[in-house]
Amino acid sequence: ITDHVEAKLEAIRVHLSQHPDIAATERFVRARLAATAAGAGLQA
């Protein structure tokens, strides 16, 4: 989803009632997505 991650993050940013610390949330999401890709053998 590399080419669509910004759309995903925009969707997550909308949920301000649940995730007021957007910066920390985005770091967490990106790290998890990167780990999934690495575990599947995708390019760095």
ModelCIF file with pLDDT and N, C-alpha, C, O atoms, coordinates in Angstrom:
data_MODEL
#
_entry.id   MODEL 
#
_entity.id                         1 
_entity.type                       polymer 
_entity.pdbx_number_of_molecules   1 
#
_entity_poly.entity_id                      1 
_entity_poly.type                           'polypeptide(L)' 
_entity_poly.nstd_linkage                   no 
_entity_poly.nstd_monomer                   no 
_entity_poly.pdbx_seq_one_letter_code       ITDHVEAKLEAIRVHLSQHPDIAATERFVRARLAATAAGAGLQA 
_entity_poly.pdbx_seq_one_letter_code_can   ITDHVEAKLEAIRVHLSQHPDIAATERFVRARLAATAAGAGLQA 
_entity_poly.pdbx_strand_id                 A 
#
loop_
_entity_poly_seq.entity_id 
_entity_poly_seq.num 
_entity_poly_seq.mon_id 
_entity_poly_seq.hetero 
1 1  ILE n 
1 2  THR n 
1 3  ASP n 
1 4  HIS n 
1 5  VAL n 
1 6  GLU n 
1 7  ALA n 
1 8  LYS n 
1 9  LEU n 
1 10 GLU n 
1 11 ALA n 
1 12 ILE n 
1 13 ARG n 
1 14 VAL n 
1 15 HIS n 
1 16 LEU n 
1 17 SER n 
1 18 GLN n 
1 19 HIS n 
1 20 PRO n 
1 21 ASP n 
1 22 ILE n 
1 23 ALA n 
1 24 ALA n 
1 25 THR n 
1 26 GLU n 
1 27 ARG n 
1 28 PHE n 
1 29 VAL n 
1 30 ARG n 
1 31 ALA n 
1 32 ARG n 
1 33 LEU n 
1 34 ALA n 
1 35 ALA n 
1 36 THR n 
1 37 ALA n 
1 38 ALA n 
1 39 GLY n 
1 40 ALA n 
1 41 GLY n 
1 42 LEU n 
1 43 GLN n 
1 44 ALA n 
#
_struct_asym.id          A 
_struct_asym.entity_id   1 
#
loop_
_ma_qa_metric.id 
_ma_qa_metric.mode 
_ma_qa_metric.name 
_ma_qa_metric.software_group_id 
_ma_qa_metric.type 
1 global pLDDT . pLDDT 
2 local  pLDDT . pLDDT 
#
_ma_qa_metric_global.metric_id      1 
_ma_qa_metric_global.metric_value   94.30 
_ma_qa_metric_global.model_id       1 
_ma_qa_metric_global.ordinal_id     1 
#
loop_
_ma_qa_metric_local.label_asym_id 
_ma_qa_metric_local.label_comp_id 
_ma_qa_metric_local.label_seq_id 
_ma_qa_metric_local.metric_id 
_ma_qa_metric_local.metric_value 
_ma_qa_metric_local.model_id 
_ma_qa_metric_local.ordinal_id 
A ILE 1  2 98.00 1 1  
A THR 2  2 98.00 1 2  
A ASP 3  2 98.00 1 3  
A HIS 4  2 98.00 1 4  
A VAL 5  2 98.00 1 5  
A GLU 6  2 98.00 1 6  
A ALA 7  2 98.00 1 7  
A LYS 8  2 98.00 1 8  
A LEU 9  2 97.00 1 9  
A GLU 10 2 97.00 1 10 
A ALA 11 2 98.00 1 11 
A ILE 12 2 96.00 1 12 
A ARG 13 2 95.00 1 13 
A VAL 14 2 95.00 1 14 
A HIS 15 2 93.00 1 15 
A LEU 16 2 81.00 1 16 
A SER 17 2 84.00 1 17 
A GLN 18 2 81.00 1 18 
A HIS 19 2 78.00 1 19 
A PRO 20 2 78.00 1 20 
A ASP 21 2 86.00 1 21 
A ILE 22 2 88.00 1 22 
A ALA 23 2 90.00 1 23 
A ALA 24 2 93.00 1 24 
A THR 25 2 93.00 1 25 
A GLU 26 2 95.00 1 26 
A ARG 27 2 96.00 1 27 
A PHE 28 2 95.00 1 28 
A VAL 29 2 97.00 1 29 
A ARG 30 2 98.00 1 30 
A ALA 31 2 97.00 1 31 
A ARG 32 2 97.00 1 32 
A LEU 33 2 98.00 1 33 
A ALA 34 2 98.00 1 34 
A ALA 35 2 97.00 1 35 
A THR 36 2 97.00 1 36 
A ALA 37 2 98.00 1 37 
A ALA 38 2 98.00 1 38 
A GLY 39 2 96.00 1 39 
A ALA 40 2 97.00 1 40 
A GLY 41 2 97.00 1 41 
A LEU 42 2 98.00 1 42 
A GLN 43 2 97.00 1 43 
A ALA 44 2 96.00 1 44 
#
loop_
_atom_site.group_PDB 
_atom_site.id 
_atom_site.type_symbol 
_atom_site.label_atom_id 
_atom_site.label_alt_id 
_atom_site.label_comp_id 
_atom_site.label_asym_id 
_atom_site.label_entity_id 
_atom_site.label_seq_id 
_atom_site.pdbx_PDB_ins_code 
_atom_site.Cartn_x 
_atom_site.Cartn_y 
_atom_site.Cartn_z 
_atom_site.occupancy 
_atom_site.B_iso_or_equiv 
_atom_site.pdbx_formal_charge 
_atom_site.auth_seq_id 
_atom_site.auth_comp_id 
_atom_site.auth_asym_id 
_atom_site.auth_atom_id 
_atom_site.pdbx_PDB_model_num 
ATOM 1   N N  . ILE A 1 1  ? 0.824   -1.217  0.000  1.00 98.00 ? 1  ILE A N  1 
ATOM 2   C CA . ILE A 1 1  ? 0.000   0.000   0.000  1.00 98.00 ? 1  ILE A CA 1 
ATOM 3   C C  . ILE A 1 1  ? 0.854   1.262   0.000  1.00 98.00 ? 1  ILE A C  1 
ATOM 4   O O  . ILE A 1 1  ? 0.370   2.339   0.346  1.00 98.00 ? 1  ILE A O  1 
ATOM 5   N N  . THR A 1 2  ? 2.125   1.135   -0.386 1.00 98.00 ? 2  THR A N  1 
ATOM 6   C CA . THR A 1 2  ? 3.035   2.274   -0.325 1.00 98.00 ? 2  THR A CA 1 
ATOM 7   C C  . THR A 1 2  ? 2.459   3.502   -1.032 1.00 98.00 ? 2  THR A C  1 
ATOM 8   O O  . THR A 1 2  ? 2.571   4.623   -0.538 1.00 98.00 ? 2  THR A O  1 
ATOM 9   N N  . ASP A 1 3  ? 1.845   3.276   -2.188 1.00 98.00 ? 3  ASP A N  1 
ATOM 10  C CA . ASP A 1 3  ? 1.309   4.398   -2.964 1.00 98.00 ? 3  ASP A CA 1 
ATOM 11  C C  . ASP A 1 3  ? -0.005  4.930   -2.406 1.00 98.00 ? 3  ASP A C  1 
ATOM 12  O O  . ASP A 1 3  ? -0.529  5.929   -2.899 1.00 98.00 ? 3  ASP A O  1 
ATOM 13  N N  . HIS A 1 4  ? -0.537  4.275   -1.386 1.00 98.00 ? 4  HIS A N  1 
ATOM 14  C CA . HIS A 1 4  ? -1.832  4.684   -0.827 1.00 98.00 ? 4  HIS A CA 1 
ATOM 15  C C  . HIS A 1 4  ? -1.755  4.980   0.668  1.00 98.00 ? 4  HIS A C  1 
ATOM 16  O O  . HIS A 1 4  ? -2.782  5.169   1.319  1.00 98.00 ? 4  HIS A O  1 
ATOM 17  N N  . VAL A 1 5  ? -0.544  5.019   1.211  1.00 98.00 ? 5  VAL A N  1 
ATOM 18  C CA . VAL A 1 5  ? -0.424  5.198   2.652  1.00 98.00 ? 5  VAL A CA 1 
ATOM 19  C C  . VAL A 1 5  ? -0.903  6.579   3.090  1.00 98.00 ? 5  VAL A C  1 
ATOM 20  O O  . VAL A 1 5  ? -1.439  6.719   4.189  1.00 98.00 ? 5  VAL A O  1 
ATOM 21  N N  . GLU A 1 6  ? -0.721  7.597   2.258  1.00 98.00 ? 6  GLU A N  1 
ATOM 22  C CA . GLU A 1 6  ? -1.168  8.927   2.657  1.00 98.00 ? 6  GLU A CA 1 
ATOM 23  C C  . GLU A 1 6  ? -2.684  8.993   2.777  1.00 98.00 ? 6  GLU A C  1 
ATOM 24  O O  . GLU A 1 6  ? -3.208  9.656   3.672  1.00 98.00 ? 6  GLU A O  1 
ATOM 25  N N  . ALA A 1 7  ? -3.393  8.307   1.877  1.00 98.00 ? 7  ALA A N  1 
ATOM 26  C CA . ALA A 1 7  ? -4.852  8.254   1.987  1.00 98.00 ? 7  ALA A CA 1 
ATOM 27  C C  . ALA A 1 7  ? -5.266  7.534   3.261  1.00 98.00 ? 7  ALA A C  1 
ATOM 28  O O  . ALA A 1 7  ? -6.215  7.941   3.932  1.00 98.00 ? 7  ALA A O  1 
ATOM 29  N N  . LYS A 1 8  ? -4.550  6.459   3.593  1.00 98.00 ? 8  LYS A N  1 
ATOM 30  C CA . LYS A 1 8  ? -4.839  5.724   4.829  1.00 98.00 ? 8  LYS A CA 1 
ATOM 31  C C  . LYS A 1 8  ? -4.620  6.616   6.051  1.00 98.00 ? 8  LYS A C  1 
ATOM 32  O O  . LYS A 1 8  ? -5.452  6.645   6.958  1.00 98.00 ? 8  LYS A O  1 
ATOM 33  N N  . LEU A 1 9  ? -3.511  7.337   6.074  1.00 97.00 ? 9  LEU A N  1 
ATOM 34  C CA . LEU A 1 9  ? -3.214  8.205   7.206  1.00 97.00 ? 9  LEU A CA 1 
ATOM 35  C C  . LEU A 1 9  ? -4.207  9.356   7.296  1.00 97.00 ? 9  LEU A C  1 
ATOM 36  O O  . LEU A 1 9  ? -4.575  9.774   8.394  1.00 97.00 ? 9  LEU A O  1 
ATOM 37  N N  . GLU A 1 10 ? -4.640  9.869   6.157  1.00 97.00 ? 10 GLU A N  1 
ATOM 38  C CA . GLU A 1 10 ? -5.669  10.911  6.184  1.00 97.00 ? 10 GLU A CA 1 
ATOM 39  C C  . GLU A 1 10 ? -6.947  10.380  6.831  1.00 97.00 ? 10 GLU A C  1 
ATOM 40  O O  . GLU A 1 10 ? -7.603  11.094  7.589  1.00 97.00 ? 10 GLU A O  1 
ATOM 41  N N  . ALA A 1 11 ? -7.298  9.136   6.533  1.00 98.00 ? 11 ALA A N  1 
ATOM 42  C CA . ALA A 1 11 ? -8.490  8.530   7.133  1.00 98.00 ? 11 ALA A CA 1 
ATOM 43  C C  . ALA A 1 11 ? -8.329  8.393   8.642  1.00 98.00 ? 11 ALA A C  1 
ATOM 44  O O  . ALA A 1 11 ? -9.264  8.672   9.393  1.00 98.00 ? 11 ALA A O  1 
ATOM 45  N N  . ILE A 1 12 ? -7.161  7.970   9.088  1.00 96.00 ? 12 ILE A N  1 
ATOM 46  C CA . ILE A 1 12 ? -6.911  7.809   10.520 1.00 96.00 ? 12 ILE A CA 1 
ATOM 47  C C  . ILE A 1 12 ? -6.943  9.153   11.234 1.00 96.00 ? 12 ILE A C  1 
ATOM 48  O O  . ILE A 1 12 ? -7.441  9.243   12.356 1.00 96.00 ? 12 ILE A O  1 
ATOM 49  N N  . ARG A 1 13 ? -6.414  10.205  10.596 1.00 95.00 ? 13 ARG A N  1 
ATOM 50  C CA . ARG A 1 13 ? -6.372  11.524  11.215 1.00 95.00 ? 13 ARG A CA 1 
ATOM 51  C C  . ARG A 1 13 ? -7.763  12.056  11.558 1.00 95.00 ? 13 ARG A C  1 
ATOM 52  O O  . ARG A 1 13 ? -7.909  12.864  12.475 1.00 95.00 ? 13 ARG A O  1 
ATOM 53  N N  . VAL A 1 14 ? -8.762  11.615  10.844 1.00 95.00 ? 14 VAL A N  1 
ATOM 54  C CA . VAL A 1 14 ? -10.128 12.095  11.064 1.00 95.00 ? 14 VAL A CA 1 
ATOM 55  C C  . VAL A 1 14 ? -10.642 11.713  12.448 1.00 95.00 ? 14 VAL A C  1 
ATOM 56  O O  . VAL A 1 14 ? -11.474 12.421  13.016 1.00 95.00 ? 14 VAL A O  1 
ATOM 57  N N  . HIS A 1 15 ? -10.158 10.607  12.993 1.00 93.00 ? 15 HIS A N  1 
ATOM 58  C CA . HIS A 1 15 ? -10.698 10.071  14.251 1.00 93.00 ? 15 HIS A CA 1 
ATOM 59  C C  . HIS A 1 15 ? -10.082 10.770  15.460 1.00 93.00 ? 15 HIS A C  1 
ATOM 60  O O  . HIS A 1 15 ? -9.445  10.132  16.298 1.00 93.00 ? 15 HIS A O  1 
ATOM 61  N N  . LEU A 1 16 ? -10.274 12.058  15.540 1.00 81.00 ? 16 LEU A N  1 
ATOM 62  C CA . LEU A 1 16 ? -9.659  12.846  16.611 1.00 81.00 ? 16 LEU A CA 1 
ATOM 63  C C  . LEU A 1 16 ? -10.247 12.542  17.980 1.00 81.00 ? 16 LEU A C  1 
ATOM 64  O O  . LEU A 1 16 ? -9.571  12.725  18.993 1.00 81.00 ? 16 LEU A O  1 
ATOM 65  N N  . SER A 1 17 ? -11.495 12.079  18.032 1.00 84.00 ? 17 SER A N  1 
ATOM 66  C CA . SER A 1 17 ? -12.081 11.745  19.330 1.00 84.00 ? 17 SER A CA 1 
ATOM 67  C C  . SER A 1 17 ? -11.371 10.555  19.976 1.00 84.00 ? 17 SER A C  1 
ATOM 68  O O  . SER A 1 17 ? -11.446 10.372  21.191 1.00 84.00 ? 17 SER A O  1 
ATOM 69  N N  . GLN A 1 18 ? -10.681 9.745   19.165 1.00 81.00 ? 18 GLN A N  1 
ATOM 70  C CA . GLN A 1 18 ? -10.025 8.539   19.669 1.00 81.00 ? 18 GLN A CA 1 
ATOM 71  C C  . GLN A 1 18 ? -8.507  8.659   19.737 1.00 81.00 ? 18 GLN A C  1 
ATOM 72  O O  . GLN A 1 18 ? -7.871  8.039   20.589 1.00 81.00 ? 18 GLN A O  1 
ATOM 73  N N  . HIS A 1 19 ? -7.929  9.452   18.844 1.00 78.00 ? 19 HIS A N  1 
ATOM 74  C CA . HIS A 1 19 ? -6.474  9.475   18.707 1.00 78.00 ? 19 HIS A CA 1 
ATOM 75  C C  . HIS A 1 19 ? -5.978  10.918  18.608 1.00 78.00 ? 19 HIS A C  1 
ATOM 76  O O  . HIS A 1 19 ? -5.585  11.371  17.533 1.00 78.00 ? 19 HIS A O  1 
ATOM 77  N N  . PRO A 1 20 ? -5.999  11.633  19.730 1.00 78.00 ? 20 PRO A N  1 
ATOM 78  C CA . PRO A 1 20 ? -5.602  13.040  19.693 1.00 78.00 ? 20 PRO A CA 1 
ATOM 79  C C  . PRO A 1 20 ? -4.125  13.255  19.396 1.00 78.00 ? 20 PRO A C  1 
ATOM 80  O O  . PRO A 1 20 ? -3.748  14.310  18.886 1.00 78.00 ? 20 PRO A O  1 
ATOM 81  N N  . ASP A 1 21 ? -3.274  12.266  19.710 1.00 86.00 ? 21 ASP A N  1 
ATOM 82  C CA . ASP A 1 21 ? -1.840  12.397  19.427 1.00 86.00 ? 21 ASP A CA 1 
ATOM 83  C C  . ASP A 1 21 ? -1.579  11.817  18.039 1.00 86.00 ? 21 ASP A C  1 
ATOM 84  O O  . ASP A 1 21 ? -1.155  10.669  17.904 1.00 86.00 ? 21 ASP A O  1 
ATOM 85  N N  . ILE A 1 22 ? -1.833  12.614  17.022 1.00 88.00 ? 22 ILE A N  1 
ATOM 86  C CA . ILE A 1 22 ? -1.737  12.155  15.646 1.00 88.00 ? 22 ILE A CA 1 
ATOM 87  C C  . ILE A 1 22 ? -0.310  11.758  15.275 1.00 88.00 ? 22 ILE A C  1 
ATOM 88  O O  . ILE A 1 22 ? -0.106  10.758  14.586 1.00 88.00 ? 22 ILE A O  1 
ATOM 89  N N  . ALA A 1 23 ? 0.671   12.527  15.723 1.00 90.00 ? 23 ALA A N  1 
ATOM 90  C CA . ALA A 1 23 ? 2.061   12.234  15.367 1.00 90.00 ? 23 ALA A CA 1 
ATOM 91  C C  . ALA A 1 23 ? 2.480   10.850  15.861 1.00 90.00 ? 23 ALA A C  1 
ATOM 92  O O  . ALA A 1 23 ? 3.076   10.074  15.115 1.00 90.00 ? 23 ALA A O  1 
ATOM 93  N N  . ALA A 1 24 ? 2.163   10.545  17.127 1.00 93.00 ? 24 ALA A N  1 
ATOM 94  C CA . ALA A 1 24 ? 2.517   9.232   17.677 1.00 93.00 ? 24 ALA A CA 1 
ATOM 95  C C  . ALA A 1 24 ? 1.756   8.123   16.963 1.00 93.00 ? 24 ALA A C  1 
ATOM 96  O O  . ALA A 1 24 ? 2.302   7.051   16.702 1.00 93.00 ? 24 ALA A O  1 
ATOM 97  N N  . THR A 1 25 ? 0.501   8.388   16.652 1.00 93.00 ? 25 THR A N  1 
ATOM 98  C CA . THR A 1 25 ? -0.308  7.394   15.950 1.00 93.00 ? 25 THR A CA 1 
ATOM 99  C C  . THR A 1 25 ? 0.283   7.085   14.584 1.00 93.00 ? 25 THR A C  1 
ATOM 100 O O  . THR A 1 25 ? 0.372   5.921   14.194 1.00 93.00 ? 25 THR A O  1 
ATOM 101 N N  . GLU A 1 26 ? 0.686   8.113   13.858 1.00 95.00 ? 26 GLU A N  1 
ATOM 102 C CA . GLU A 1 26 ? 1.246   7.906   12.525 1.00 95.00 ? 26 GLU A CA 1 
ATOM 103 C C  . GLU A 1 26 ? 2.570   7.155   12.589 1.00 95.00 ? 26 GLU A C  1 
ATOM 104 O O  . GLU A 1 26 ? 2.834   6.303   11.742 1.00 95.00 ? 26 GLU A O  1 
ATOM 105 N N  . ARG A 1 27 ? 3.400   7.456   13.575 1.00 96.00 ? 27 ARG A N  1 
ATOM 106 C CA . ARG A 1 27 ? 4.665   6.721   13.719 1.00 96.00 ? 27 ARG A CA 1 
ATOM 107 C C  . ARG A 1 27 ? 4.396   5.247   13.958 1.00 96.00 ? 27 ARG A C  1 
ATOM 108 O O  . ARG A 1 27 ? 5.056   4.385   13.379 1.00 96.00 ? 27 ARG A O  1 
ATOM 109 N N  . PHE A 1 28 ? 3.413   4.959   14.822 1.00 95.00 ? 28 PHE A N  1 
ATOM 110 C CA . PHE A 1 28 ? 3.058   3.577   15.127 1.00 95.00 ? 28 PHE A CA 1 
ATOM 111 C C  . PHE A 1 28 ? 2.557   2.860   13.874 1.00 95.00 ? 28 PHE A C  1 
ATOM 112 O O  . PHE A 1 28 ? 2.977   1.739   13.588 1.00 95.00 ? 28 PHE A O  1 
ATOM 113 N N  . VAL A 1 29 ? 1.660   3.507   13.128 1.00 97.00 ? 29 VAL A N  1 
ATOM 114 C CA . VAL A 1 29 ? 1.075   2.880   11.935 1.00 97.00 ? 29 VAL A CA 1 
ATOM 115 C C  . VAL A 1 29 ? 2.151   2.617   10.894 1.00 97.00 ? 29 VAL A C  1 
ATOM 116 O O  . VAL A 1 29 ? 2.221   1.521   10.339 1.00 97.00 ? 29 VAL A O  1 
ATOM 117 N N  . ARG A 1 30 ? 2.988   3.609   10.625 1.00 98.00 ? 30 ARG A N  1 
ATOM 118 C CA . ARG A 1 30 ? 4.043   3.419   9.627  1.00 98.00 ? 30 ARG A CA 1 
ATOM 119 C C  . ARG A 1 30 ? 5.000   2.296   10.026 1.00 98.00 ? 30 ARG A C  1 
ATOM 120 O O  . ARG A 1 30 ? 5.406   1.501   9.179  1.00 98.00 ? 30 ARG A O  1 
ATOM 121 N N  . ALA A 1 31 ? 5.356   2.225   11.293 1.00 97.00 ? 31 ALA A N  1 
ATOM 122 C CA . ALA A 1 31 ? 6.269   1.173   11.748 1.00 97.00 ? 31 ALA A CA 1 
ATOM 123 C C  . ALA A 1 31 ? 5.644   -0.206  11.558 1.00 97.00 ? 31 ALA A C  1 
ATOM 124 O O  . ALA A 1 31 ? 6.321   -1.148  11.145 1.00 97.00 ? 31 ALA A O  1 
ATOM 125 N N  . ARG A 1 32 ? 4.362   -0.322  11.856 1.00 97.00 ? 32 ARG A N  1 
ATOM 126 C CA . ARG A 1 32 ? 3.695   -1.614  11.694 1.00 97.00 ? 32 ARG A CA 1 
ATOM 127 C C  . ARG A 1 32 ? 3.600   -2.005  10.222 1.00 97.00 ? 32 ARG A C  1 
ATOM 128 O O  . ARG A 1 32 ? 3.823   -3.163  9.871  1.00 97.00 ? 32 ARG A O  1 
ATOM 129 N N  . LEU A 1 33 ? 3.271   -1.047  9.364  1.00 98.00 ? 33 LEU A N  1 
ATOM 130 C CA . LEU A 1 33 ? 3.186   -1.324  7.926  1.00 98.00 ? 33 LEU A CA 1 
ATOM 131 C C  . LEU A 1 33 ? 4.548   -1.707  7.360  1.00 98.00 ? 33 LEU A C  1 
ATOM 132 O O  . LEU A 1 33 ? 4.645   -2.592  6.510  1.00 98.00 ? 33 LEU A O  1 
ATOM 133 N N  . ALA A 1 34 ? 5.599   -1.041  7.831  1.00 98.00 ? 34 ALA A N  1 
ATOM 134 C CA . ALA A 1 34 ? 6.948   -1.354  7.368  1.00 98.00 ? 34 ALA A CA 1 
ATOM 135 C C  . ALA A 1 34 ? 7.360   -2.758  7.810  1.00 98.00 ? 34 ALA A C  1 
ATOM 136 O O  . ALA A 1 34 ? 7.971   -3.501  7.042  1.00 98.00 ? 34 ALA A O  1 
ATOM 137 N N  . ALA A 1 35 ? 7.025   -3.117  9.044  1.00 97.00 ? 35 ALA A N  1 
ATOM 138 C CA . ALA A 1 35 ? 7.356   -4.447  9.548  1.00 97.00 ? 35 ALA A CA 1 
ATOM 139 C C  . ALA A 1 35 ? 6.620   -5.527  8.761  1.00 97.00 ? 35 ALA A C  1 
ATOM 140 O O  . ALA A 1 35 ? 7.181   -6.585  8.478  1.00 97.00 ? 35 ALA A O  1 
ATOM 141 N N  . THR A 1 36 ? 5.368   -5.258  8.409  1.00 97.00 ? 36 THR A N  1 
ATOM 142 C CA . THR A 1 36 ? 4.603   -6.220  7.605  1.00 97.00 ? 36 THR A CA 1 
ATOM 143 C C  . THR A 1 36 ? 5.253   -6.411  6.245  1.00 97.00 ? 36 THR A C  1 
ATOM 144 O O  . THR A 1 36 ? 5.398   -7.540  5.777  1.00 97.00 ? 36 THR A O  1 
ATOM 145 N N  . ALA A 1 37 ? 5.644   -5.317  5.612  1.00 98.00 ? 37 ALA A N  1 
ATOM 146 C CA . ALA A 1 37 ? 6.280   -5.401  4.298  1.00 98.00 ? 37 ALA A CA 1 
ATOM 147 C C  . ALA A 1 37 ? 7.614   -6.141  4.379  1.00 98.00 ? 37 ALA A C  1 
ATOM 148 O O  . ALA A 1 37 ? 7.916   -6.980  3.531  1.00 98.00 ? 37 ALA A O  1 
ATOM 149 N N  . ALA A 1 38 ? 8.409   -5.828  5.398  1.00 98.00 ? 38 ALA A N  1 
ATOM 150 C CA . ALA A 1 38 ? 9.709   -6.494  5.549  1.00 98.00 ? 38 ALA A CA 1 
ATOM 151 C C  . ALA A 1 38 ? 9.527   -7.981  5.793  1.00 98.00 ? 38 ALA A C  1 
ATOM 152 O O  . ALA A 1 38 ? 10.260  -8.803  5.242  1.00 98.00 ? 38 ALA A O  1 
ATOM 153 N N  . GLY A 1 39 ? 8.543   -8.327  6.627  1.00 96.00 ? 39 GLY A N  1 
ATOM 154 C CA . GLY A 1 39 ? 8.285   -9.734  6.905  1.00 96.00 ? 39 GLY A CA 1 
ATOM 155 C C  . GLY A 1 39 ? 7.857   -10.519 5.688  1.00 96.00 ? 39 GLY A C  1 
ATOM 156 O O  . GLY A 1 39 ? 8.046   -11.734 5.625  1.00 96.00 ? 39 GLY A O  1 
ATOM 157 N N  . ALA A 1 40 ? 7.274   -9.820  4.708  1.00 97.00 ? 40 ALA A N  1 
ATOM 158 C CA . ALA A 1 40 ? 6.832   -10.480 3.473  1.00 97.00 ? 40 ALA A CA 1 
ATOM 159 C C  . ALA A 1 40 ? 7.909   -10.458 2.398  1.00 97.00 ? 40 ALA A C  1 
ATOM 160 O O  . ALA A 1 40 ? 7.696   -10.951 1.291  1.00 97.00 ? 40 ALA A O  1 
ATOM 161 N N  . GLY A 1 41 ? 9.082   -9.880  2.727  1.00 97.00 ? 41 GLY A N  1 
ATOM 162 C CA . GLY A 1 41 ? 10.181  -9.855  1.774  1.00 97.00 ? 41 GLY A CA 1 
ATOM 163 C C  . GLY A 1 41 ? 10.086  -8.757  0.732  1.00 97.00 ? 41 GLY A C  1 
ATOM 164 O O  . GLY A 1 41 ? 10.748  -8.832  -0.303 1.00 97.00 ? 41 GLY A O  1 
ATOM 165 N N  . LEU A 1 42 ? 9.265   -7.723  0.988  1.00 98.00 ? 42 LEU A N  1 
ATOM 166 C CA . LEU A 1 42 ? 9.177   -6.622  0.043  1.00 98.00 ? 42 LEU A CA 1 
ATOM 167 C C  . LEU A 1 42 ? 10.413  -5.734  0.149  1.00 98.00 ? 42 LEU A C  1 
ATOM 168 O O  . LEU A 1 42 ? 11.121  -5.750  1.156  1.00 98.00 ? 42 LEU A O  1 
ATOM 169 N N  . GLN A 1 43 ? 10.655  -4.973  -0.889 1.00 97.00 ? 43 GLN A N  1 
ATOM 170 C CA . GLN A 1 43 ? 11.814  -4.088  -0.944 1.00 97.00 ? 43 GLN A CA 1 
ATOM 171 C C  . GLN A 1 43 ? 11.794  -3.097  0.212  1.00 97.00 ? 43 GLN A C  1 
ATOM 172 O O  . GLN A 1 43 ? 10.728  -2.667  0.651  1.00 97.00 ? 43 GLN A O  1 
ATOM 173 N N  . ALA A 1 44 ? 12.972  -2.738  0.701  1.00 96.00 ? 44 ALA A N  1 
ATOM 174 C CA . ALA A 1 44 ? 13.085  -1.782  1.795  1.00 96.00 ? 44 ALA A CA 1 
ATOM 175 C C  . ALA A 1 44 ? 12.370  -0.485  1.432  1.00 96.00 ? 44 ALA A C  1 
ATOM 176 O O  . ALA A 1 44 ? 12.351  0.454   2.229  1.00 96.00 ? 44 ALA A O  1 
#
